[in-house]
Amino acid sequence: MTNKLTVSLKRKKYIFEFPLILIRGGSGMFNYYKRIPHSSNFKYRDRTAIMLDIMSTIRKYPVGKKKTQIMVGAKLNYNQTEKYLNFLVSEGLVSLSDRRMYKLTNKGLDFLQIIEMQRKSLSF
């Protein structure tokens, strides 16, 4: 089951798809469904969750973060960090400074805010 979120920002239209995971609980006639929060202890994360973890790790420090700090903050190995950072830089969500520090761009901040709004709308 996926949810779609369509957002228009500055004449650009973004469509995001997110899986909605439900757990059935309760007993007898009192069954309920509960959404699993993003920060739960899953063994595996999807690509979107990994990119959001990287971006939220970078956002905590306006000066920027080095690759090793991002690896530790997002709980990734070197190859994964390299792959995702290259993708984020190529999409313009993250910039790389001369001092090898990664910073969020305005586009990256907008993207992160959109995703956080979407998460809040899904939680109950």
Protein backbone atom coordinates (compact mmCIF):
# COMPACT_ATOMS: atom_id res chain seq x y z
CA MET A 1 0.00 0.00 0.00
CA THR A 2 1.51 3.36 -0.97
CA ASN A 3 0.54 6.94 -0.38
CA LYS A 4 1.14 9.64 -2.95
CA LEU A 5 1.93 13.20 -2.08
CA THR A 6 1.86 15.82 -4.81
CA VAL A 7 3.39 19.20 -4.03
CA SER A 8 3.95 22.18 -6.30
CA LEU A 9 6.82 24.49 -5.46
CA LYS A 10 7.93 27.40 -7.62
CA ARG A 11 6.36 26.11 -10.84
CA LYS A 12 7.70 22.59 -10.32
CA LYS A 13 5.55 19.61 -9.44
CA TYR A 14 6.94 16.90 -7.16
CA ILE A 15 5.25 13.54 -6.71
CA PHE A 16 6.44 11.37 -3.85
CA GLU A 17 5.33 7.81 -3.13
CA PHE A 18 5.73 6.33 0.33
CA PRO A 19 4.84 2.90 1.61
CA LEU A 20 2.30 2.84 4.39
CA ILE A 21 2.92 -0.02 6.76
CA LEU A 22 0.12 -1.03 9.07
CA ILE A 23 0.24 -3.40 12.03
CA ARG A 24 -2.93 -5.10 13.14
CA GLY A 25 -3.34 -5.34 16.89
CA GLY A 26 -6.00 -5.90 19.49
CA SER A 27 -8.14 -8.93 20.18
CA GLY A 28 -11.65 -10.01 19.37
CA MET A 29 -13.89 -7.28 18.04
CA PHE A 30 -11.54 -4.48 19.10
CA ASN A 31 -8.99 -4.58 16.31
CA TYR A 32 -6.95 -1.55 15.43
CA TYR A 33 -4.34 -0.59 12.88
CA LYS A 34 -1.26 1.35 13.79
CA ARG A 35 1.21 3.06 11.47
CA ILE A 36 4.81 2.19 12.11
CA PRO A 37 6.82 5.39 12.69
CA HIS A 38 9.82 6.06 10.47
CA SER A 39 12.29 5.88 13.31
CA SER A 40 11.33 2.36 14.37
CA ASN A 41 14.06 -0.25 14.50
CA PHE A 42 13.77 -1.87 11.08
CA LYS A 43 16.60 -4.00 9.87
CA TYR A 44 16.32 -2.54 6.38
CA ARG A 45 15.50 0.99 5.22
CA ASP A 46 14.31 2.05 1.81
CA ARG A 47 16.26 4.51 -0.33
CA THR A 48 14.06 7.44 0.62
CA ALA A 49 14.54 6.82 4.33
CA ILE A 50 18.32 6.61 3.88
CA MET A 51 18.41 9.88 1.93
CA LEU A 52 16.25 11.57 4.56
CA ASP A 53 18.53 10.31 7.34
CA ILE A 54 21.54 11.73 5.50
CA MET A 55 19.84 15.07 4.87
CA SER A 56 18.55 15.43 8.43
CA THR A 57 22.05 14.61 9.72
CA ILE A 58 23.50 17.38 7.54
CA ARG A 59 20.77 19.85 8.50
CA LYS A 60 21.72 19.69 12.20
CA TYR A 61 24.93 21.60 11.41
CA PRO A 62 24.57 24.71 9.21
CA VAL A 63 28.36 24.85 8.73
CA GLY A 64 28.20 21.44 7.08
CA LYS A 65 29.36 17.93 7.86
CA LYS A 66 32.17 15.75 6.65
CA LYS A 67 31.57 12.39 5.05
CA THR A 68 32.66 10.42 8.12
CA GLN A 69 30.28 12.36 10.36
CA ILE A 70 27.45 11.68 7.92
CA MET A 71 28.33 7.96 7.89
CA VAL A 72 28.07 7.79 11.67
CA GLY A 73 24.94 9.95 11.90
CA ALA A 74 23.02 8.05 9.21
CA LYS A 75 24.39 4.62 10.25
CA LEU A 76 25.81 3.74 6.83
CA ASN A 77 29.02 2.20 5.58
CA TYR A 78 31.46 4.06 3.33
CA ASN A 79 30.18 2.68 0.01
CA GLN A 80 26.56 3.46 0.82
CA THR A 81 27.44 6.95 2.00
CA GLU A 82 29.47 7.62 -1.14
CA LYS A 83 26.66 6.40 -3.42
CA TYR A 84 23.89 8.40 -1.74
CA LEU A 85 25.94 11.58 -1.35
CA ASN A 86 26.89 11.49 -5.04
CA PHE A 87 23.22 11.13 -5.93
CA LEU A 88 22.13 13.96 -3.61
CA VAL A 89 24.85 16.26 -4.97
CA SER A 90 23.93 15.44 -8.59
CA GLU A 91 20.25 16.23 -7.88
CA GLY A 92 21.16 19.55 -6.26
CA LEU A 93 19.81 18.65 -2.80
CA VAL A 94 23.25 18.77 -1.16
CA SER A 95 26.32 20.82 -2.05
CA LEU A 96 29.98 20.02 -1.49
CA SER A 97 32.25 22.86 -0.37
CA ASP A 98 35.96 23.29 -1.04
CA ARG A 99 36.70 22.03 2.47
CA ARG A 100 34.93 18.72 1.68
CA MET A 101 31.96 19.69 3.83
CA TYR A 102 28.44 18.73 2.74
CA LYS A 103 25.65 21.30 3.17
CA LEU A 104 21.96 21.29 2.32
CA THR A 105 20.89 23.53 -0.53
CA ASN A 106 17.62 25.48 -0.56
CA LYS A 107 16.13 22.76 -2.75
CA GLY A 108 17.25 20.16 -0.20
CA LEU A 109 15.70 22.10 2.68
CA ASP A 110 12.42 22.40 0.75
CA PHE A 111 12.46 18.67 0.01
CA LEU A 112 13.10 17.82 3.67
CA GLN A 113 10.29 20.10 4.85
CA ILE A 114 7.85 18.53 2.36
CA ILE A 115 8.68 15.05 3.57
CA GLU A 116 8.34 16.07 7.22
CA MET A 117 4.92 17.60 6.50
CA GLN A 118 3.91 14.38 4.77
CA ARG A 119 5.04 12.30 7.75
CA LYS A 120 3.07 14.48 10.17
CA SER A 121 -0.06 14.12 8.06
CA LEU A 122 0.29 10.30 8.16
CA SER A 123 0.77 10.03 11.92
CA PHE A 124 -2.24 9.76 14.18
